[in-house]
Amino acid sequence: MARPKVVVSLCGNTVEEMLEDAALATAAGADMVEVRFDQLWIKKEAVIEEEEHEEGDRRRRNREPKWNYIPLPIESVDVETSINAFKSGIRIPVIFTCRPVSQDGGFPGEEPERIAVLKFAIESGVSYIDIEDEVTDKDLKMLKGAITESTKVIISDHTSNPPSVEEITQRVDKMATKGDLVKICYRLNNRGGALRVLEAAKDIGAREGGPDVALMGLGEGGDWARIHAPLIGTRIVYSTMDESVSVMKQGRINLEDLTIAWDLLEYD
């Protein structure tokens, strides 16, 4: 069985941080990276927790830090300069994503401003452009009109707990008519939801000439569809270079652990 292509979603809230993560992902063997451009409008600050000891002694807790995420004004990011920096600084194909708040993103502006950012990314020649399924038909048509042969379209959605397997596959088929690849990420409430995502991915992967799909979840069991992607016929898997404990809790998986799992399971 062929292993899927692996996309590493870049960590960081500055261009420099993302470029550093992209270099690590490239060296580790990632096939593509995802630039979450909307994260440039978020400032990440560590919250240092302290605990009280005897005689008023205060010491920092030895644990993974918590973070505050502070939104920045739209004028704080130079869109053209930042996109050009990514274009010149990343050697492997790039998926360009700029999530609105409604899709768990950090872009602070209005929708026309966000669409303009996506259009500029397309015109820069990015390999893949991620367009949310909720985008209006008018905006989708305009964005696709700016696309050349060098750019492919990912139609995506980040949504609540997965419905039935049949409803998931129907949703995939509908979204597939709009682009080259479908990505759906569900927020999982339990293992039952994770099993439905896994089964739907398996059904789609078994089709002859079916659409390219990345189905995944966040929460308990979210890593199942990623780990077993070679077995169920999924062609693209999203991963990360982040090695923190929170990655596992979120149902994500870092690239090193994903590769080890595929080796142990003999998914070749």
Foldseek 3Di string as FASTA:
>chain_A
DDDFQEEAEADDQDLVRRLVQLVVCVVLPHQEYEDQVLSVQKDKDWDFDWDADPPRDIDTDPDDTDIDIHGHDQVVDDLVVSLVCCVVRHDHAYEYHHDDVVQVGRRDDDPVVVLVSQQVNQLVLHQEYEDEPPDDPVSLVVSVVSHDPRYWYEYEGEEEQDDALVVVLVVLVVSVVSTQEYEYEYEHPDVVSLVSQQVSLLVQQPDDPGGQYEYAYFAVNRQVCVLCVLVSRHRYYYAHCDPDPVCVRGSGHHPVVSVVSCVVVVSD
